[in-house]
């Protein structure tokens, strides 16, 4: 007789460290503690007014009923137009599915294509949810290192070294969470050739595509029809349009895979929120000035936090080309009392009132992740606290 109330799947699923630290920061702030939070991967800007206005009009007009499970046609058409406009990629409605966030799109994809024991290659450092979602689908995460000395950029050679007869899928995330690194067009071309030669699929998570700084985003799906047929492009509205709470994402790719994802969605969440989808149509089709304004603000913040971090003892940090994260190496702060980034993050939260995410959740225990999706004032104050903490920890070694 089974003694546990929980399935093995549920018992093996790890909690998200990013959501965990964010919850702790908010709890301390609610108690009146002045914590400077660098945890959440969430823009601090409001959703653009024209996007909110479109959703409000839709809500007021009574557009509050079920929609097709995979999204309304107007939103699919807007996504199709966006993909062709931005990346030269052409899709049909039957190749598009709208889900409850890009994370949901990824979850449904993995459920649709993985059988028990199938292996998925994930560059390391990685977004915390990739290996957990692979495991939830019965797959096996296999890591291909994207080392700091290579700018956190994964190579085709590293991916090929990780391929086995059980490999089914490769996950790419460029710009990357947590490092902000971008895979060069030349390396993407080599990866595309490898994927086609080894008969694999690619999940290309492009959620940060509009948040780049001097380096153009390139989708691996744009390197010809063969790789496009093997690529599942995932994107959403949370980062570029500051619509995190709207929970809307989408995937474009093979028609049969999209149909299978649709059946899974039919039996789980059904449709994304009706009036939120109308707001998303406006986000894609409307004025894009807001996107550039947010991107420029993030670039300014990146430059400020980078200058401060690299002036601190015991810390070194590569400059990210995209997203809104820095991923400093904190090896110079570690000691017998502070052996890794997990203990360091706890120390910074409880002793310096700075909220950061330990790197272990991203596969890099000697690093921490800081989100600069916060004000310049908060960044400067947080860096003042981190400077003092770093000086103290270096002296303790």
Protein backbone atom coordinates (compact mmCIF):
# COMPACT_ATOMS: atom_id res chain seq x y z
CA UNK A 1 0.00 0.00 0.00
CA UNK A 2 1.31 3.42 -0.92
CA UNK A 3 2.18 5.59 2.05
CA UNK A 4 2.64 8.95 0.29
CA UNK A 5 -0.26 11.14 -0.67
CA UNK A 6 1.83 12.59 -3.51
CA UNK A 7 2.89 11.21 -6.86
CA UNK A 8 6.58 10.72 -7.60
CA UNK A 9 6.21 13.46 -10.21
CA UNK A 10 5.01 15.96 -7.62
CA UNK A 11 7.61 14.92 -5.07
CA UNK A 12 10.44 15.34 -7.58
CA UNK A 13 9.38 18.82 -8.76
CA UNK A 14 11.56 21.50 -7.19
CA UNK A 15 10.15 24.90 -6.17
CA UNK A 16 11.16 27.90 -8.24
CA UNK A 17 13.97 29.80 -6.48
CA UNK A 18 13.07 33.03 -8.28
CA UNK A 19 9.46 32.92 -7.10
CA UNK A 20 10.63 31.86 -3.66
CA UNK A 21 13.02 34.78 -3.14
CA UNK A 22 10.46 37.20 -4.54
CA UNK A 23 7.88 35.98 -2.02
CA UNK A 24 10.38 36.39 0.84
CA UNK A 25 11.26 39.92 -0.28
CA UNK A 26 7.60 40.91 -0.43
CA UNK A 27 6.92 39.35 2.97
CA UNK A 28 9.77 41.31 4.57
CA UNK A 29 8.67 44.52 2.87
CA UNK A 30 5.13 43.96 4.16
CA UNK A 31 6.61 43.80 7.67
CA UNK A 32 8.20 47.20 7.14
CA UNK A 33 11.73 45.97 6.37
CA UNK A 34 13.45 48.14 3.75
CA UNK A 35 14.60 45.36 1.40
CA UNK A 36 16.01 46.29 -2.02
CA UNK A 37 14.78 43.53 -4.30
CA UNK A 38 16.73 42.33 -7.34
CA UNK A 39 14.89 39.03 -7.54
CA UNK A 40 11.89 39.22 -9.83
CA UNK A 41 12.18 38.90 -13.59
CA UNK A 42 9.42 41.44 -13.98
CA UNK A 43 9.53 44.92 -15.56
CA UNK A 44 8.68 47.65 -13.07
CA UNK A 45 6.83 49.63 -15.76
CA UNK A 46 3.06 49.61 -16.06
CA UNK A 47 1.41 47.95 -19.04
CA UNK A 48 1.17 50.58 -21.84
CA UNK A 49 -2.03 52.61 -21.73
CA UNK A 50 -3.20 51.75 -25.24
CA UNK A 51 -2.95 48.05 -24.42
CA UNK A 52 -4.93 48.43 -21.20
CA UNK A 53 -7.51 50.59 -22.98
CA UNK A 54 -8.12 47.92 -25.64
CA UNK A 55 -8.68 45.25 -22.99
CA UNK A 56 -10.99 47.54 -21.01
CA UNK A 57 -13.09 48.29 -24.10
CA UNK A 58 -13.31 44.59 -24.79
CA UNK A 59 -14.36 43.86 -21.22
CA UNK A 60 -16.96 46.60 -21.26
CA UNK A 61 -18.37 45.35 -24.55
CA UNK A 62 -19.04 41.95 -23.01
CA UNK A 63 -16.19 39.97 -24.54
CA UNK A 64 -16.05 37.80 -21.43
CA UNK A 65 -17.00 34.34 -22.70
CA UNK A 66 -15.01 31.31 -23.78
CA UNK A 67 -12.84 31.72 -26.85
CA UNK A 68 -11.28 28.98 -28.98
CA UNK A 69 -8.93 27.08 -26.71
CA UNK A 70 -5.82 27.92 -28.75
CA UNK A 71 -6.60 31.66 -29.02
CA UNK A 72 -8.73 34.04 -31.04
CA UNK A 73 -8.09 34.44 -34.76
CA UNK A 74 -7.33 38.15 -34.43
CA UNK A 75 -4.48 37.41 -32.02
CA UNK A 76 -3.13 34.57 -34.16
CA UNK A 77 -3.13 36.93 -37.14
CA UNK A 78 -1.30 39.59 -35.11
CA UNK A 79 1.30 37.00 -34.08
CA UNK A 80 1.71 35.87 -37.69
CA UNK A 81 2.24 39.47 -38.78
CA UNK A 82 4.72 40.09 -35.96
CA UNK A 83 6.83 37.03 -36.79
CA UNK A 84 7.04 37.99 -40.45
CA UNK A 85 7.70 41.67 -39.66
CA UNK A 86 10.42 41.06 -37.08
CA UNK A 87 12.08 37.87 -38.30
CA UNK A 88 10.88 37.15 -41.82
CA UNK A 89 9.12 33.98 -40.65
CA UNK A 90 5.83 32.94 -42.26
CA UNK A 91 3.25 30.82 -40.49
CA UNK A 92 -0.40 29.85 -40.85
CA UNK A 93 -3.03 30.07 -38.12
CA UNK A 94 -2.85 26.29 -37.70
CA UNK A 95 0.82 26.71 -36.69
CA UNK A 96 0.08 29.15 -33.84
CA UNK A 97 -1.16 28.43 -30.32
CA UNK A 98 -1.81 31.02 -27.62
CA UNK A 99 -1.37 29.83 -24.04
CA UNK A 100 -1.46 31.19 -20.49
CA UNK A 101 2.06 32.59 -20.63
CA UNK A 102 5.23 31.56 -22.49
CA UNK A 103 5.94 29.16 -19.60
CA UNK A 104 2.63 27.43 -20.32
CA UNK A 105 3.53 27.19 -24.02
CA UNK A 106 6.81 25.48 -23.10
CA UNK A 107 5.06 23.12 -20.68
CA UNK A 108 2.50 22.08 -23.29
CA UNK A 109 5.20 21.58 -25.92
CA UNK A 110 7.24 19.29 -23.71
CA UNK A 111 4.13 17.32 -22.80
CA UNK A 112 3.34 16.98 -26.50
CA UNK A 113 6.74 15.79 -27.81
CA UNK A 114 8.50 13.89 -24.99
CA UNK A 115 8.16 10.23 -24.12
CA UNK A 116 9.56 8.78 -20.87
CA UNK A 117 13.35 8.74 -21.03
CA UNK A 118 13.69 11.18 -23.92
CA UNK A 119 16.60 13.52 -23.39
CA UNK A 120 16.52 17.30 -23.74
CA UNK A 121 19.75 19.28 -24.07
CA UNK A 122 19.72 22.49 -22.03
CA UNK A 123 22.58 25.03 -22.05
CA UNK A 124 23.89 25.73 -18.56
CA UNK A 125 23.38 28.25 -16.89
CA UNK A 126 19.68 27.78 -17.60
CA UNK A 127 16.31 29.24 -16.67
CA UNK A 128 15.15 27.43 -13.55
CA UNK A 129 11.98 25.97 -15.10
CA UNK A 130 13.53 24.20 -18.11
CA UNK A 131 14.86 21.08 -16.33
CA UNK A 132 11.85 20.86 -14.02
CA UNK A 133 9.38 21.01 -16.90
CA UNK A 134 11.37 18.39 -18.79
CA UNK A 135 11.18 16.09 -15.77
CA UNK A 136 7.45 16.74 -15.36
CA UNK A 137 7.01 15.50 -18.94
CA UNK A 138 8.95 12.32 -18.19
CA UNK A 139 12.08 13.52 -19.97
CA UNK A 140 15.70 13.69 -18.84
CA UNK A 141 17.52 17.06 -18.79
CA UNK A 142 21.06 16.89 -20.17
CA UNK A 143 23.24 19.97 -19.74
CA UNK A 144 25.61 21.52 -22.28
CA UNK A 145 27.86 24.02 -20.56
CA UNK A 146 27.93 27.63 -21.76
CA UNK A 147 30.99 28.69 -19.76
CA UNK A 148 31.68 32.13 -18.43
CA UNK A 149 34.97 32.28 -20.33
CA UNK A 150 32.96 31.94 -23.55
CA UNK A 151 30.63 34.76 -22.56
CA UNK A 152 28.01 32.24 -21.37
CA UNK A 153 27.42 31.39 -25.04
CA UNK A 154 26.67 27.76 -25.84
CA UNK A 155 28.35 26.27 -28.90
CA UNK A 156 27.31 23.70 -31.46
CA UNK A 157 30.29 21.60 -30.33
CA UNK A 158 29.06 21.56 -26.72
CA UNK A 159 25.58 20.56 -27.85
CA UNK A 160 26.90 17.82 -30.12
CA UNK A 161 28.99 16.38 -27.29
CA UNK A 162 25.78 16.01 -25.23
CA UNK A 163 23.77 14.22 -27.95
CA UNK A 164 22.92 10.56 -27.44
CA UNK A 165 20.50 8.20 -29.22
CA UNK A 166 17.85 9.33 -26.70
CA UNK A 167 18.15 13.04 -27.54
CA UNK A 168 14.86 14.52 -28.76
CA UNK A 169 15.08 18.29 -28.29
CA UNK A 170 17.49 21.18 -27.76
CA UNK A 171 16.41 24.26 -25.79
CA UNK A 172 17.84 27.65 -26.74
CA UNK A 173 17.20 30.91 -24.88
CA UNK A 174 18.75 33.98 -26.49
CA UNK A 175 18.89 36.53 -24.90
CA UNK A 176 19.32 34.32 -21.88
CA UNK A 177 17.81 34.23 -18.43
CA UNK A 178 19.89 34.34 -16.18
CA UNK A 179 23.00 35.63 -17.96
CA UNK A 180 21.66 38.05 -20.58
CA UNK A 181 24.02 36.38 -23.08
CA UNK A 182 23.11 36.12 -26.74
CA UNK A 183 24.12 33.35 -29.13
CA UNK A 184 25.84 34.86 -32.17
CA UNK A 185 24.31 34.46 -35.61
CA UNK A 186 27.36 32.44 -36.68
CA UNK A 187 26.95 29.99 -33.81
CA UNK A 188 23.19 29.74 -34.38
CA UNK A 189 23.91 28.78 -37.99
CA UNK A 190 26.22 26.00 -36.81
CA UNK A 191 23.62 24.80 -34.31
CA UNK A 192 20.95 24.82 -37.04
CA UNK A 193 23.13 22.62 -39.26
CA UNK A 194 23.77 20.23 -36.36
CA UNK A 195 20.10 19.97 -35.43
CA UNK A 196 19.09 19.15 -38.99
CA UNK A 197 21.87 16.60 -39.39
CA UNK A 198 20.97 14.83 -36.13
CA UNK A 199 17.20 14.96 -36.78
CA UNK A 200 16.34 16.92 -33.62
CA UNK A 201 13.81 19.55 -32.58
CA UNK A 202 14.64 22.99 -31.19
CA UNK A 203 12.68 24.99 -28.64
CA UNK A 204 13.73 28.61 -29.23
CA UNK A 205 12.63 30.73 -26.27
CA UNK A 206 12.71 34.30 -27.57
CA UNK A 207 10.83 36.07 -24.78
CA UNK A 208 13.59 38.73 -24.41
CA UNK A 209 14.06 39.37 -28.14
CA UNK A 210 13.19 43.10 -27.94
CA UNK A 211 15.44 43.75 -24.94
CA UNK A 212 18.86 43.83 -26.60
CA UNK A 213 21.67 46.37 -26.33
CA UNK A 214 23.73 46.92 -29.45
CA UNK A 215 23.40 43.33 -30.68
CA UNK A 216 20.56 42.34 -33.02
CA UNK A 217 18.37 39.40 -32.05
CA UNK A 218 18.33 36.52 -34.54
CA UNK A 219 15.96 33.56 -34.46
CA UNK A 220 17.42 30.17 -35.32
CA UNK A 221 14.22 29.53 -37.29
CA UNK A 222 15.33 32.17 -39.82
CA UNK A 223 18.22 30.03 -41.17
CA UNK A 224 16.18 28.29 -43.83
CA UNK A 225 13.08 26.20 -44.24
CA UNK A 226 14.61 22.97 -42.91
CA UNK A 227 15.52 24.39 -39.50
CA UNK A 228 12.27 26.39 -39.40
CA UNK A 229 10.32 23.13 -39.67
CA UNK A 230 12.27 21.75 -36.70
CA UNK A 231 11.99 24.89 -34.54
CA UNK A 232 9.25 25.72 -32.07
CA UNK A 233 9.45 29.49 -31.48
CA UNK A 234 8.14 30.57 -28.07
CA UNK A 235 7.42 34.18 -27.13
CA UNK A 236 5.01 36.23 -25.09
CA UNK A 237 3.98 39.65 -23.81
CA UNK A 238 5.31 39.78 -20.26
CA UNK A 239 8.77 41.24 -20.85
CA UNK A 240 8.58 43.55 -23.89
CA UNK A 241 5.13 44.92 -23.01
CA UNK A 242 5.27 44.61 -19.20
CA UNK A 243 2.23 42.32 -19.19
CA UNK A 244 3.43 39.75 -16.65
CA UNK A 245 0.10 39.44 -14.86
CA UNK A 246 -1.86 39.06 -18.09
CA UNK A 247 -0.48 35.51 -18.55
CA UNK A 248 -0.28 35.32 -22.33
CA UNK A 249 2.31 33.55 -24.42
CA UNK A 250 2.44 31.79 -27.75
CA UNK A 251 4.24 29.21 -29.83
CA UNK A 252 4.75 28.95 -33.58
CA UNK A 253 5.84 25.75 -35.26
CA UNK A 254 4.97 22.42 -36.79
CA UNK A 255 1.25 22.06 -37.40
CA UNK A 256 0.99 18.54 -35.92
CA UNK A 257 2.85 19.53 -32.76
CA UNK A 258 0.70 22.65 -32.37
CA UNK A 259 -2.45 20.54 -32.80
CA UNK A 260 -1.25 18.13 -30.11
CA UNK A 261 -0.53 21.05 -27.79
CA UNK A 262 -4.04 22.28 -28.50
CA UNK A 263 -5.53 18.97 -27.38
CA UNK A 264 -3.52 19.12 -24.17
CA UNK A 265 -4.68 22.69 -23.59
CA UNK A 266 -8.27 21.67 -24.33
CA UNK A 267 -8.12 19.24 -21.42
CA UNK A 268 -6.27 21.48 -18.97
CA UNK A 269 -6.72 25.26 -19.02
CA UNK A 270 -8.90 25.77 -22.12
CA UNK A 271 -8.59 29.30 -23.50
CA UNK A 272 -6.43 32.16 -22.22
CA UNK A 273 -8.44 35.08 -20.78
CA UNK A 274 -10.68 36.51 -23.48
CA UNK A 275 -10.24 40.25 -22.99
CA UNK A 276 -6.51 39.86 -22.25
CA UNK A 277 -6.17 38.45 -25.77
CA UNK A 278 -7.68 41.62 -27.19
CA UNK A 279 -5.12 43.66 -25.27
CA UNK A 280 -2.39 41.46 -26.76
CA UNK A 281 -3.65 42.19 -30.27
CA UNK A 282 -3.22 45.89 -29.56
CA UNK A 283 0.24 45.27 -28.08
CA UNK A 284 1.44 43.66 -31.31
CA UNK A 285 -0.44 45.84 -33.80
CA UNK A 286 -0.33 49.17 -31.99
CA UNK A 287 2.31 51.83 -31.36
CA UNK A 288 5.66 50.19 -30.49
CA UNK A 289 7.22 53.33 -28.98
CA UNK A 290 6.65 51.92 -25.49
CA UNK A 291 8.86 48.93 -26.25
CA UNK A 292 11.80 51.11 -27.25
CA UNK A 293 11.33 53.39 -24.25
CA UNK A 294 11.51 50.44 -21.86
CA UNK A 295 14.47 48.93 -23.72
CA UNK A 296 16.41 52.21 -23.49
CA UNK A 297 15.66 52.49 -19.77
CA UNK A 298 16.88 48.93 -19.18
CA UNK A 299 20.08 49.67 -21.07
CA UNK A 300 20.77 52.68 -18.88
CA UNK A 301 20.17 50.59 -15.76
CA UNK A 302 22.41 47.82 -17.08
CA UNK A 303 25.27 50.27 -17.53
CA UNK A 304 24.83 51.65 -14.00
CA UNK A 305 24.71 48.27 -12.26
CA UNK A 306 27.61 46.91 -14.34
CA UNK A 307 29.87 49.82 -13.39
CA UNK A 308 29.06 49.38 -9.72
CA UNK A 309 29.46 45.59 -9.63
CA UNK A 310 32.83 45.50 -11.38
CA UNK A 311 34.20 48.10 -8.97
CA UNK A 312 33.49 45.86 -5.96
CA UNK A 313 36.02 43.54 -4.34
CA UNK A 314 35.43 39.82 -4.82
CA UNK A 315 32.94 40.27 -7.67
CA UNK A 316 33.32 40.08 -11.44
CA UNK A 317 30.50 40.40 -13.94
CA UNK A 318 30.28 39.97 -17.71
CA UNK A 319 28.25 42.60 -19.53
CA UNK A 320 24.95 41.17 -20.77
CA UNK A 321 23.81 41.98 -24.30
CA UNK A 322 20.13 41.39 -23.59
CA UNK A 323 17.31 40.74 -21.09
CA UNK A 324 17.42 42.61 -17.74
CA UNK A 325 19.70 40.47 -15.60
CA UNK A 326 23.31 40.47 -14.49
CA UNK A 327 24.93 37.23 -13.36
CA UNK A 328 28.05 38.12 -11.37
CA UNK A 329 30.66 35.61 -10.30
CA UNK A 330 30.96 35.94 -6.53
CA UNK A 331 33.78 33.44 -5.98
CA UNK A 332 35.86 36.17 -4.33
CA UNK A 333 33.26 36.54 -1.57
CA UNK A 334 33.04 32.86 -0.69
CA UNK A 335 34.65 31.37 2.40
CA UNK A 336 34.17 28.63 4.95
CA UNK A 337 31.25 30.62 6.39
CA UNK A 338 29.86 31.52 2.97
CA UNK A 339 30.63 28.42 0.82
CA UNK A 340 28.35 29.13 -2.15
CA UNK A 341 25.85 31.48 -3.72
CA UNK A 342 22.94 30.03 -1.75
CA UNK A 343 24.44 30.95 1.60
CA UNK A 344 25.59 34.29 0.19
CA UNK A 345 22.07 35.13 -0.99
CA UNK A 346 20.69 34.31 2.45
CA UNK A 347 23.39 36.43 4.08
CA UNK A 348 22.68 39.39 1.80
CA UNK A 349 18.95 39.16 2.50
CA UNK A 350 19.17 38.86 6.29
CA UNK A 351 22.22 41.02 6.97
CA UNK A 352 22.26 43.63 4.18
CA UNK A 353 18.56 43.57 3.18
CA UNK A 354 19.31 42.91 -0.49
CA UNK A 355 17.25 40.32 -2.35
CA UNK A 356 19.16 38.36 -5.02
CA UNK A 357 18.63 34.88 -6.51
CA UNK A 358 21.31 32.26 -5.82
CA UNK A 359 22.93 30.82 -8.92
CA UNK A 360 22.47 27.18 -7.94
CA UNK A 361 18.92 27.22 -9.31
CA UNK A 362 20.41 28.15 -12.68
CA UNK A 363 23.15 25.52 -12.50
CA UNK A 364 25.90 27.95 -11.40
CA UNK A 365 26.43 27.83 -7.60
CA UNK A 366 29.29 30.39 -7.60
CA UNK A 367 27.09 33.09 -9.11
CA UNK A 368 24.06 35.14 -8.12
CA UNK A 369 21.43 36.71 -10.37
CA UNK A 370 20.26 40.29 -10.02
CA UNK A 371 17.40 41.74 -12.03
CA UNK A 372 17.83 45.41 -12.90
CA UNK A 373 14.14 45.79 -13.69
CA UNK A 374 13.94 48.42 -11.00
CA UNK A 375 14.67 52.14 -10.66
CA UNK A 376 18.12 53.72 -10.89
CA UNK A 377 17.61 54.99 -7.34
CA UNK A 378 16.93 51.47 -6.05
CA UNK A 379 19.89 50.11 -8.01
CA UNK A 380 22.25 52.70 -6.52
CA UNK A 381 21.01 52.10 -2.97
CA UNK A 382 21.21 48.36 -3.42
CA UNK A 383 24.74 48.61 -4.82
CA UNK A 384 25.76 50.76 -1.84
CA UNK A 385 24.62 47.97 0.46
CA UNK A 386 26.27 45.29 -1.65
CA UNK A 387 29.53 47.25 -1.73
CA UNK A 388 29.65 47.34 2.07
CA UNK A 389 28.75 43.67 2.32
CA UNK A 390 31.41 42.72 -0.23
CA UNK A 391 34.11 44.67 1.56
CA UNK A 392 33.19 43.00 4.84
CA UNK A 393 33.08 39.49 3.36
CA UNK A 394 36.42 39.89 1.59
CA UNK A 395 38.01 40.98 4.87
CA UNK A 396 36.54 37.93 6.62
CA UNK A 397 38.21 35.45 4.26
